[in-house]
Amino acid sequence: MWTSSGGFWVREYSSGRVAGYRYQGGMATDTFWLPTGLERFTPTPQGGLIGKAELPNFDWKRLLHQPLEEQAVLNVNVIGEREEVDTIFALDVRHMDWMLGIRGEGSRYPSQVLIRQPFADHDLTWFDPERGSVGVVRRSGSPGVVEVFEVFATGDTAWHRRLDLPSVELSAEEAEEAIEDVLATLRRAAESGGHVFTEAELRSIADSVLHVPSHLPVVARVVASSAADVWLQTPETEDGLSVWYSIRRGDDEATPRRVLVPSSFQIQDASETHIWGMPTNSAGERVVRGLALVPPVD
């Protein structure tokens, strides 16, 4: 579902039908069928769609399915029964979770294995249906450096900002633990698929597919708030609290606002005075909770 100030859109996953509704209720005001080839998208005020191109399926003919480097952001307009698709720009999707194919000596078929990347630094995104834009957090540069920008469906850049945030070095213990987790995943897949590998071979595969940088990704999560701010969660912690930075969308000068948030609280939205989220309570129910933003105590 996607929301805006005037209404919301709902996607029927079984059929691919997307319907728009006004908040005052009633029948759908706008209905269309989702074009093929889109992974995630949002309608635009001009009547088209902006979204990310679908990633390719696992290729069973290849022993090692190499991860992608780019993912296209598309602008789609439906004219009658014809679709016009334009590529706006490309996202950096290196080092994201990806499928790997393994096949041992004498095995007839490869096994498909999902490799989790705990230190993934691919582009993070958000979509804005009111502006018809996609926002991007590019975090694959030098340690502590992050670029935040927003692009309209037309391909024009709405704004761009480069930030220098504190960086957190990746410890040798964290790196080795991540490698051991990948090794455990590979061992399970090899055993269930009847593949025979030596420990040295499994270690070589793990070393080749796991992204191990010198520092943790500078941004772990992004939230674009309804108050026109962008909130960036970093790997920093202070007194057991998570560290977030917020910047005003379109501003390229003001110092980012630094906010300490309980680690268990996942921000969903924010205003000038509060942050909002939907944590799960002890009964397993999701509840809406707001936390007031107060100045730090000296």
Protein backbone atom coordinates (compact mmCIF):
# COMPACT_ATOMS: atom_id res chain seq x y z
CA MET A 1 0.00 0.00 0.00
CA TRP A 2 1.17 3.58 -0.76
CA THR A 3 -0.24 6.71 0.85
CA SER A 4 -0.35 10.39 0.01
CA SER A 5 -2.20 13.45 1.33
CA GLY A 6 -5.14 12.79 -0.99
CA GLY A 7 -5.57 9.03 -0.75
CA PHE A 8 -3.89 5.67 -1.01
CA TRP A 9 -3.18 2.86 -3.46
CA VAL A 10 -3.56 -0.86 -2.82
CA ARG A 11 -1.92 -3.63 -4.84
CA GLU A 12 -3.58 -7.03 -5.27
CA TYR A 13 -0.65 -9.41 -5.42
CA SER A 14 -2.67 -12.28 -6.90
CA SER A 15 -3.72 -10.29 -9.96
CA GLY A 16 -1.27 -7.39 -10.19
CA ARG A 17 -4.17 -4.91 -10.13
CA VAL A 18 -3.48 -1.54 -8.42
CA ALA A 19 -6.41 0.58 -7.23
CA GLY A 20 -6.35 4.15 -5.87
CA TYR A 21 -8.83 5.34 -3.23
CA ARG A 22 -9.75 8.70 -1.71
CA TYR A 23 -9.67 8.97 2.07
CA GLN A 24 -13.39 9.81 2.19
CA GLY A 25 -14.12 6.30 0.96
CA GLY A 26 -16.08 4.98 -1.97
CA MET A 27 -15.08 3.07 -5.06
CA ALA A 28 -11.61 3.05 -6.52
CA THR A 29 -10.83 6.32 -8.30
CA ASP A 30 -7.96 5.01 -10.37
CA THR A 31 -7.21 1.45 -11.46
CA PHE A 32 -4.43 -0.02 -13.54
CA TRP A 33 -2.56 -3.28 -14.02
CA LEU A 34 1.02 -3.49 -12.83
CA PRO A 35 3.40 -3.59 -15.79
CA THR A 36 5.82 -6.49 -15.91
CA GLY A 37 9.43 -5.99 -14.95
CA LEU A 38 9.00 -3.84 -11.83
CA GLU A 39 10.18 -5.03 -8.41
CA ARG A 40 9.04 -2.10 -6.31
CA PHE A 41 7.25 1.02 -7.49
CA THR A 42 4.99 3.95 -6.67
CA PRO A 43 2.44 5.82 -8.80
CA THR A 44 3.38 9.37 -9.79
CA PRO A 45 1.16 12.49 -9.91
CA GLN A 46 1.50 12.48 -13.70
CA GLY A 47 -0.22 9.09 -13.90
CA GLY A 48 2.81 6.91 -14.53
CA LEU A 49 4.92 4.70 -12.31
CA ILE A 50 8.44 4.98 -10.98
CA GLY A 51 10.10 1.84 -9.68
CA LYS A 52 13.05 -0.52 -9.60
CA ALA A 53 13.55 -3.08 -12.34
CA GLU A 54 13.10 -6.70 -11.30
CA LEU A 55 16.29 -8.57 -10.56
CA PRO A 56 16.91 -11.66 -12.71
CA ASN A 57 16.00 -15.12 -11.48
CA PHE A 58 18.65 -17.61 -10.47
CA ASP A 59 20.43 -19.04 -13.49
CA TRP A 60 20.58 -22.81 -13.07
CA LYS A 61 22.93 -23.19 -16.02
CA ARG A 62 25.77 -21.40 -14.22
CA LEU A 63 27.77 -22.92 -11.40
CA LEU A 64 28.31 -19.58 -9.67
CA HIS A 65 25.61 -16.97 -10.09
CA GLN A 66 27.55 -13.70 -10.02
CA PRO A 67 25.85 -10.88 -8.09
CA LEU A 68 24.70 -7.83 -9.99
CA GLU A 69 26.42 -4.47 -9.89
CA GLU A 70 23.52 -2.26 -10.99
CA GLN A 71 19.73 -2.15 -10.82
CA ALA A 72 17.80 0.18 -13.11
CA VAL A 73 15.27 2.72 -11.82
CA LEU A 74 12.47 2.95 -14.39
CA ASN A 75 9.79 5.45 -15.36
CA VAL A 76 6.78 3.65 -16.86
CA ASN A 77 3.88 5.33 -18.70
CA VAL A 78 0.94 3.31 -20.00
CA ILE A 79 -0.51 4.75 -23.21
CA GLY A 80 -3.53 2.70 -24.25
CA GLU A 81 -2.27 -0.87 -24.39
CA ARG A 82 1.34 0.22 -24.89
CA GLU A 83 3.94 0.80 -22.16
CA GLU A 84 6.72 3.35 -22.50
CA VAL A 85 9.64 2.45 -20.24
CA ASP A 86 12.58 4.80 -19.67
CA THR A 87 15.63 4.08 -17.52
CA ILE A 88 16.23 7.07 -15.24
CA PHE A 89 19.47 5.98 -13.55
CA ALA A 90 21.12 2.92 -12.01
CA LEU A 91 21.41 1.91 -8.36
CA ASP A 92 24.58 0.41 -6.94
CA VAL A 93 23.48 -3.05 -5.73
CA ARG A 94 26.86 -4.66 -5.17
CA HIS A 95 27.27 -6.60 -1.94
CA MET A 96 23.56 -7.14 -1.34
CA ASP A 97 22.08 -10.50 -0.31
CA TRP A 98 22.25 -12.76 -3.36
CA MET A 99 21.87 -16.32 -4.59
CA LEU A 100 24.88 -18.58 -5.07
CA GLY A 101 25.01 -21.87 -6.92
CA ILE A 102 27.22 -24.66 -5.60
CA ARG A 103 27.93 -28.06 -7.16
CA GLY A 104 30.38 -30.58 -5.77
CA GLU A 105 32.53 -33.08 -7.63
CA GLY A 106 30.29 -35.61 -9.33
CA SER A 107 27.03 -33.72 -8.53
CA ARG A 108 24.59 -33.52 -11.41
CA TYR A 109 22.68 -30.41 -10.35
CA PRO A 110 23.76 -27.30 -8.44
CA SER A 111 22.10 -26.21 -5.22
CA GLN A 112 20.79 -22.69 -4.76
CA VAL A 113 22.04 -20.93 -1.61
CA LEU A 114 21.04 -17.50 -0.29
CA ILE A 115 24.12 -15.69 0.99
CA ARG A 116 23.37 -13.02 3.59
CA GLN A 117 25.64 -9.99 3.53
CA PRO A 118 25.84 -8.60 7.09
CA PHE A 119 28.00 -5.68 5.90
CA ALA A 120 25.97 -4.84 2.79
CA ASP A 121 26.54 -1.31 1.47
CA HIS A 122 24.27 -1.25 -1.59
CA ASP A 123 22.07 1.80 -2.23
CA LEU A 124 19.08 2.30 0.06
CA THR A 125 15.92 3.86 -1.42
CA TRP A 126 12.56 5.39 -0.62
CA PHE A 127 9.69 6.38 -2.93
CA ASP A 128 7.52 9.51 -2.73
CA PRO A 129 4.17 9.21 -4.55
CA GLU A 130 3.31 12.89 -4.02
CA ARG A 131 6.48 14.18 -5.67
CA GLY A 132 6.81 11.28 -8.10
CA SER A 133 10.38 10.69 -7.02
CA VAL A 134 12.81 8.12 -5.69
CA GLY A 135 15.26 8.95 -2.92
CA VAL A 136 18.65 7.25 -2.68
CA VAL A 137 21.20 6.83 0.09
CA ARG A 138 24.53 5.88 -1.50
CA ARG A 139 26.81 4.41 1.16
CA SER A 140 29.49 2.50 -0.75
CA GLY A 141 32.09 5.27 -0.81
CA SER A 142 34.90 6.03 1.62
CA PRO A 143 34.39 5.25 5.33
CA GLY A 144 31.98 7.75 6.89
CA VAL A 145 30.91 9.26 3.56
CA VAL A 146 27.28 9.06 2.44
CA GLU A 147 25.45 10.70 -0.46
CA VAL A 148 21.73 11.41 -0.26
CA PHE A 149 19.81 12.49 -3.34
CA GLU A 150 16.33 12.47 -4.85
CA VAL A 151 15.43 12.04 -8.52
CA PHE A 152 12.11 12.77 -10.23
CA ALA A 153 10.47 10.39 -12.70
CA THR A 154 11.60 12.81 -15.42
CA GLY A 155 15.23 12.04 -14.53
CA ASP A 156 15.87 15.48 -13.03
CA THR A 157 17.70 15.57 -9.70
CA ALA A 158 15.62 17.30 -7.03
CA TRP A 159 18.52 17.68 -4.59
CA HIS A 160 21.81 16.14 -3.62
CA ARG A 161 23.87 16.22 -0.46
CA ARG A 162 27.15 14.68 0.67
CA LEU A 163 27.56 13.96 4.39
CA ASP A 164 30.59 13.04 6.47
CA LEU A 165 29.41 10.94 9.42
CA PRO A 166 31.39 9.10 12.09
CA SER A 167 32.66 5.73 10.87
CA VAL A 168 32.84 2.51 12.87
CA GLU A 169 35.69 0.12 12.16
CA LEU A 170 34.84 -3.51 11.50
CA SER A 171 36.61 -5.74 14.02
CA ALA A 172 38.44 -8.93 13.08
CA GLU A 173 36.09 -10.85 15.39
CA GLU A 174 32.99 -9.54 13.57
CA ALA A 175 34.50 -10.41 10.20
CA GLU A 176 35.44 -13.95 11.26
CA GLU A 177 32.00 -14.52 12.78
CA ALA A 178 30.38 -13.50 9.49
CA ILE A 179 32.63 -15.87 7.54
CA GLU A 180 31.75 -18.71 9.93
CA ASP A 181 28.04 -18.03 9.39
CA VAL A 182 28.50 -18.28 5.60
CA LEU A 183 30.51 -21.49 6.06
CA ALA A 184 27.69 -22.97 8.14
CA THR A 185 25.18 -22.05 5.43
CA LEU A 186 27.35 -23.64 2.74
CA ARG A 187 27.85 -26.81 4.78
CA ARG A 188 24.09 -27.26 5.24
CA ALA A 189 23.44 -26.69 1.54
CA ALA A 190 26.20 -29.09 0.53
CA GLU A 191 24.94 -31.81 2.85
CA SER A 192 21.29 -31.49 1.80
CA GLY A 193 22.25 -31.41 -1.89
CA GLY A 194 24.70 -34.29 -1.73
CA HIS A 195 27.69 -32.14 -2.68
CA VAL A 196 31.19 -33.03 -1.51
CA PHE A 197 33.56 -30.18 -0.62
CA THR A 198 36.64 -29.97 1.53
CA GLU A 199 36.76 -27.35 4.28
CA ALA A 200 39.38 -25.47 2.26
CA GLU A 201 37.05 -25.36 -0.76
CA LEU A 202 34.13 -24.13 1.34
CA ARG A 203 36.35 -21.49 2.92
CA SER A 204 37.49 -20.33 -0.50
CA ILE A 205 33.86 -19.95 -1.63
CA ALA A 206 32.95 -18.02 1.54
CA ASP A 207 35.92 -15.68 1.14
CA SER A 208 35.00 -14.98 -2.48
CA VAL A 209 31.33 -14.14 -1.94
CA LEU A 210 31.26 -12.36 1.43
CA HIS A 211 31.80 -8.59 1.40
CA VAL A 212 34.16 -7.71 4.27
CA PRO A 213 34.99 -3.96 4.30
CA SER A 214 37.33 -2.13 6.66
CA HIS A 215 34.42 -0.26 8.28
CA LEU A 216 30.75 -0.98 8.90
CA PRO A 217 28.32 0.57 6.37
CA VAL A 218 27.93 4.23 7.32
CA VAL A 219 24.11 3.99 7.18
CA ALA A 220 22.10 0.95 8.22
CA ARG A 221 18.56 2.21 7.54
CA VAL A 222 16.76 5.20 6.03
CA VAL A 223 13.31 6.65 6.80
CA ALA A 224 11.80 9.53 4.81
CA SER A 225 9.37 11.20 7.21
CA SER A 226 6.07 12.92 6.42
CA ALA A 227 7.64 16.09 7.85
CA ALA A 228 10.02 16.20 4.85
CA ASP A 229 13.07 14.98 6.77
CA VAL A 230 15.35 12.06 5.96
CA TRP A 231 16.42 9.98 8.97
CA LEU A 232 19.60 7.93 8.73
CA GLN A 233 20.47 5.20 11.25
CA THR A 234 24.20 4.62 11.68
CA PRO A 235 26.10 1.73 13.32
CA GLU A 236 27.09 4.04 16.18
CA THR A 237 25.80 3.41 19.68
CA GLU A 238 25.91 5.61 22.78
CA ASP A 239 24.90 4.38 26.24
CA GLY A 240 23.14 1.43 24.61
CA LEU A 241 21.12 3.71 22.29
CA SER A 242 21.11 3.78 18.49
CA VAL A 243 22.37 6.93 16.78
CA TRP A 244 20.28 8.54 14.04
CA TYR A 245 20.87 11.69 11.99
CA SER A 246 18.08 13.69 10.34
CA ILE A 247 18.38 16.22 7.53
CA ARG A 248 15.77 18.35 5.82
CA ARG A 249 15.00 17.22 2.30
CA GLY A 250 16.39 19.80 -0.09
CA ASP A 251 18.76 21.33 2.46
CA ASP A 252 22.46 21.13 1.62
CA GLU A 253 24.02 23.19 4.41
CA ALA A 254 22.42 22.69 7.85
CA THR A 255 24.23 20.47 10.33
CA PRO A 256 22.46 17.09 10.63
CA ARG A 257 20.39 16.64 13.76
CA ARG A 258 21.81 13.85 15.95
CA VAL A 259 19.21 11.82 17.86
CA LEU A 260 19.63 8.92 20.30
CA VAL A 261 16.88 6.29 20.01
CA PRO A 262 16.27 3.07 21.98
CA SER A 263 17.81 0.23 19.99
CA SER A 264 14.56 -1.78 20.09
CA PHE A 265 12.56 1.10 18.55
CA GLN A 266 12.29 1.04 14.76
CA ILE A 267 11.35 4.49 13.44
CA GLN A 268 8.52 4.50 10.89
CA ASP A 269 7.82 8.25 10.78
CA ALA A 270 8.85 11.45 12.52
CA SER A 271 7.67 15.01 13.14
CA GLU A 272 9.50 18.01 14.56
CA THR A 273 8.71 16.87 18.10
CA HIS A 274 8.16 13.08 17.99
CA ILE A 275 9.26 9.86 16.36
CA TRP A 276 6.74 7.12 15.65
CA GLY A 277 7.01 3.37 15.28
CA MET A 278 5.12 0.09 15.60
CA PRO A 279 7.01 -2.16 18.02
CA THR A 280 5.67 -5.57 19.04
CA ASN A 281 4.50 -5.88 22.65
CA SER A 282 4.87 -8.88 25.00
CA ALA A 283 1.64 -10.38 23.64
CA GLY A 284 3.00 -10.40 20.10
CA GLU A 285 0.78 -7.51 19.02
CA ARG A 286 2.02 -4.54 17.02
CA VAL A 287 1.23 -1.21 18.65
CA VAL A 288 1.69 2.38 17.54
CA ARG A 289 4.06 4.22 19.85
CA GLY A 290 5.43 7.73 19.83
CA LEU A 291 8.52 9.03 21.60
CA ALA A 292 9.01 12.72 22.34
CA LEU A 293 12.25 14.32 21.12
CA VAL A 294 13.97 16.21 23.94
CA PRO A 295 17.32 18.04 24.13
CA PRO A 296 20.21 16.04 25.62
CA VAL A 297 20.90 16.47 29.31
CA ASP A 298 24.38 17.83 30.06
